[in-house]
């Protein structure tokens, strides 16, 4: 179906619920930019806003049968985005509050114990992230970050071109950053000890 065949959102939802996946694409194209602009005003970076909007449409996709086509509207979508933004802000405040409490309540000796625990937790998550990498990517990352080898040294050791090593390392860093995004705040003061 083309966009011209739909007069309003309720028709789009009904068509989508009836199995027309093009209708979902029309819905996505119709609202993605508006929702992204709304989310971008309150999120620190573009990637966070994009992720949030993707979550909104993923939620819609998973709950398509529960959507009431007669009630569905632009404001319905904005309410979902607003709620996701509020959840994100709440989680951020809880995380920052937790870090503040750790820093305030810790004595010098106690702080080193807390730091060790947090560092170990972050290290475990880092190793889990590394373990999901493809084999060559994992090997390049480990040689670079754990054994401190340069790109040229890695290229020579693995018999790869330096550009291939750079590409593999870039891919690995993207995956690792994605997996460690929950530790972004904690990682600021611990990262230098691990990397």
Protein backbone atom coordinates (compact mmCIF):
# COMPACT_ATOMS: atom_id res chain seq x y z
CA UNK A 1 0.00 0.00 0.00
CA UNK A 2 1.15 3.51 -0.63
CA UNK A 3 0.92 6.42 1.73
CA UNK A 4 -1.84 7.96 -0.41
CA UNK A 5 -4.16 5.05 0.42
CA UNK A 6 -4.12 5.93 4.12
CA UNK A 7 -6.20 8.88 5.22
CA UNK A 8 -5.12 8.89 8.86
CA UNK A 9 -3.07 7.11 11.50
CA UNK A 10 -5.88 4.77 12.50
CA UNK A 11 -5.95 3.38 8.95
CA UNK A 12 -2.18 2.94 9.01
CA UNK A 13 -2.39 1.05 12.32
CA UNK A 14 -5.27 -1.12 11.11
CA UNK A 15 -3.41 -2.02 7.92
CA UNK A 16 -0.25 -2.80 9.87
CA UNK A 17 -2.16 -4.96 12.35
CA UNK A 18 -3.71 -6.77 9.38
CA UNK A 19 -0.21 -7.71 8.19
CA UNK A 20 0.80 -4.84 5.89
CA UNK A 21 4.43 -4.25 6.93
CA UNK A 22 4.62 -1.31 4.51
CA UNK A 23 2.15 0.45 6.79
CA UNK A 24 4.66 0.25 9.64
CA UNK A 25 7.33 1.74 7.37
CA UNK A 26 4.92 4.59 6.53
CA UNK A 27 4.30 5.17 10.22
CA UNK A 28 8.04 5.15 10.88
CA UNK A 29 8.79 7.61 8.06
CA UNK A 30 5.93 9.87 9.14
CA UNK A 31 7.05 10.26 12.77
CA UNK A 32 10.74 9.40 13.04
CA UNK A 33 12.12 12.91 12.47
CA UNK A 34 9.59 14.62 14.77
CA UNK A 35 10.24 12.16 17.57
CA UNK A 36 14.00 12.36 17.06
CA UNK A 37 13.92 16.18 17.22
CA UNK A 38 11.91 15.99 20.43
CA UNK A 39 14.29 13.47 22.00
CA UNK A 40 17.39 15.34 20.81
CA UNK A 41 16.42 18.41 22.84
CA UNK A 42 16.88 16.52 26.10
CA UNK A 43 19.58 13.94 25.35
CA UNK A 44 23.29 14.71 25.47
CA UNK A 45 24.12 13.32 22.04
CA UNK A 46 22.61 12.27 18.74
CA UNK A 47 23.31 8.56 19.23
CA UNK A 48 21.34 8.46 22.48
CA UNK A 49 18.39 10.16 20.78
CA UNK A 50 18.54 7.73 17.84
CA UNK A 51 18.71 4.74 20.19
CA UNK A 52 15.75 6.03 22.15
CA UNK A 53 13.60 6.47 19.03
CA UNK A 54 14.60 3.02 17.78
CA UNK A 55 13.46 1.67 21.16
CA UNK A 56 10.11 3.42 20.73
CA UNK A 57 9.52 1.84 17.32
CA UNK A 58 10.76 -1.55 18.56
CA UNK A 59 8.25 -1.29 21.42
CA UNK A 60 5.49 -0.44 18.94
CA UNK A 61 6.46 -3.41 16.79
CA UNK A 62 6.36 -5.81 19.72
CA UNK A 63 3.06 -4.43 21.03
CA UNK A 64 1.28 -3.93 17.72
CA UNK A 65 -1.67 -6.13 18.70
CA UNK A 66 -2.29 -4.09 21.87
CA UNK A 67 -2.42 -0.73 20.06
CA UNK A 68 -5.91 0.72 19.79
CA UNK A 69 -6.08 2.15 16.28
CA UNK A 70 -8.88 4.50 17.32
CA UNK A 71 -6.78 6.02 20.11
CA UNK A 72 -3.41 6.04 18.35
CA UNK A 73 -2.09 9.52 17.57
CA UNK A 74 1.02 11.63 17.35
CA UNK A 75 0.59 12.58 21.02
CA UNK A 76 0.52 8.86 21.89
CA UNK A 77 4.00 8.50 20.32
CA UNK A 78 5.30 11.64 22.03
CA UNK A 79 4.05 10.28 25.37
CA UNK A 80 6.05 7.08 24.82
CA UNK A 81 9.17 9.12 23.99
CA UNK A 82 8.61 11.38 27.02
CA UNK A 83 8.27 8.35 29.31
CA UNK A 84 11.44 6.78 27.92
CA UNK A 85 13.29 10.07 28.41
CA UNK A 86 12.06 10.31 32.01
CA UNK A 87 13.16 6.71 32.68
CA UNK A 88 16.58 7.48 31.24
CA UNK A 89 16.93 10.62 33.35
CA UNK A 90 15.82 8.75 36.49
CA UNK A 91 18.37 6.00 35.83
CA UNK A 92 21.09 8.60 35.27
CA UNK A 93 20.24 10.37 38.55
CA UNK A 94 20.20 7.07 40.44
CA UNK A 95 23.57 6.14 38.94
CA UNK A 96 25.09 9.54 39.72
CA UNK A 97 23.59 9.51 43.22
CA UNK A 98 25.06 6.06 43.80
CA UNK A 99 28.51 7.24 42.71
CA UNK A 100 28.25 10.35 44.91
CA UNK A 101 27.32 8.24 47.93
CA UNK A 102 30.26 5.93 47.32
CA UNK A 103 32.64 8.85 47.01
CA UNK A 104 31.27 10.68 50.07
CA UNK A 105 31.10 7.70 52.43
CA UNK A 106 34.44 6.18 51.57
CA UNK A 107 37.53 6.82 53.62
CA UNK A 108 40.90 6.58 51.87
CA UNK A 109 41.37 2.89 52.62
CA UNK A 110 37.71 2.15 52.11
CA UNK A 111 37.77 3.97 48.78
CA UNK A 112 40.52 1.72 47.43
CA UNK A 113 38.38 -1.31 48.30
CA UNK A 114 35.33 0.24 46.63
CA UNK A 115 37.42 1.18 43.62
CA UNK A 116 38.75 -2.37 43.38
CA UNK A 117 35.22 -3.80 43.47
CA UNK A 118 33.98 -1.36 40.82
CA UNK A 119 37.09 -1.92 38.75
CA UNK A 120 36.61 -5.69 38.90
CA UNK A 121 32.96 -5.33 37.92
CA UNK A 122 33.88 -3.12 34.97
CA UNK A 123 36.69 -5.49 34.03
CA UNK A 124 34.27 -8.45 34.03
CA UNK A 125 31.87 -6.57 31.78
CA UNK A 126 34.75 -5.59 29.52
CA UNK A 127 35.83 -9.22 29.15
CA UNK A 128 32.25 -10.25 28.41
CA UNK A 129 32.09 -7.57 25.71
CA UNK A 130 35.41 -8.73 24.24
CA UNK A 131 34.20 -12.33 24.18
CA UNK A 132 31.35 -11.46 21.78
CA UNK A 133 33.79 -10.07 19.22
CA UNK A 134 34.67 -12.09 16.12
CA UNK A 135 37.92 -14.00 16.63
CA UNK A 136 40.26 -11.74 14.60
CA UNK A 137 38.68 -8.61 16.07
CA UNK A 138 39.09 -10.00 19.57
CA UNK A 139 42.74 -10.85 18.96
CA UNK A 140 43.51 -7.36 17.63
CA UNK A 141 41.71 -5.70 20.55
CA UNK A 142 43.52 -7.82 23.15
CA UNK A 143 46.92 -7.17 21.61
CA UNK A 144 46.22 -3.44 21.46
CA UNK A 145 44.53 -2.85 24.81
CA UNK A 146 45.83 -5.63 27.03
CA UNK A 147 49.34 -6.15 25.66
CA UNK A 148 49.83 -2.50 24.65
CA UNK A 149 51.11 -3.31 21.15
CA UNK A 150 51.07 -0.65 18.44
CA UNK A 151 49.14 -1.02 15.19
CA UNK A 152 52.37 -1.81 13.33
CA UNK A 153 53.42 -4.40 15.91
CA UNK A 154 50.00 -6.08 15.73
CA UNK A 155 50.08 -6.01 11.91
CA UNK A 156 53.49 -7.67 11.91
CA UNK A 157 52.57 -10.24 14.55
CA UNK A 158 49.29 -11.25 12.84
CA UNK A 159 50.61 -10.78 9.29
CA UNK A 160 47.93 -8.22 8.46
CA UNK A 161 48.09 -4.81 6.87
CA UNK A 162 48.12 -1.87 9.31
CA UNK A 163 44.86 -0.65 7.77
CA UNK A 164 43.18 -4.00 8.45
CA UNK A 165 44.37 -3.79 12.06
CA UNK A 166 42.95 -0.26 12.34
CA UNK A 167 39.63 -1.40 10.88
CA UNK A 168 39.41 -4.39 13.22
CA UNK A 169 40.34 -2.23 16.21
CA UNK A 170 37.74 0.39 15.29
CA UNK A 171 35.05 -2.29 14.97
CA UNK A 172 36.09 -3.83 18.30
CA UNK A 173 36.00 -0.47 20.08
CA UNK A 174 32.49 0.23 18.80
CA UNK A 175 31.22 -3.11 20.12
CA UNK A 176 33.00 -2.73 23.46
CA UNK A 177 31.73 0.84 23.93
CA UNK A 178 28.20 -0.32 23.19
CA UNK A 179 28.43 -3.12 25.77
CA UNK A 180 29.95 -0.82 28.39
CA UNK A 181 27.53 2.09 27.92
CA UNK A 182 25.92 1.35 31.31
CA UNK A 183 29.30 1.89 32.95
CA UNK A 184 29.97 5.19 31.17
CA UNK A 185 29.80 7.27 34.35
CA UNK A 186 31.70 4.79 36.48
CA UNK A 187 34.18 4.28 33.72
CA UNK A 188 35.28 7.90 33.71
CA UNK A 189 37.36 7.49 36.81
CA UNK A 190 38.21 3.80 36.35
CA UNK A 191 38.89 3.61 32.61
CA UNK A 192 42.47 4.82 32.81
CA UNK A 193 43.32 1.85 35.08
CA UNK A 194 41.93 -0.70 32.60
CA UNK A 195 42.87 0.75 29.24
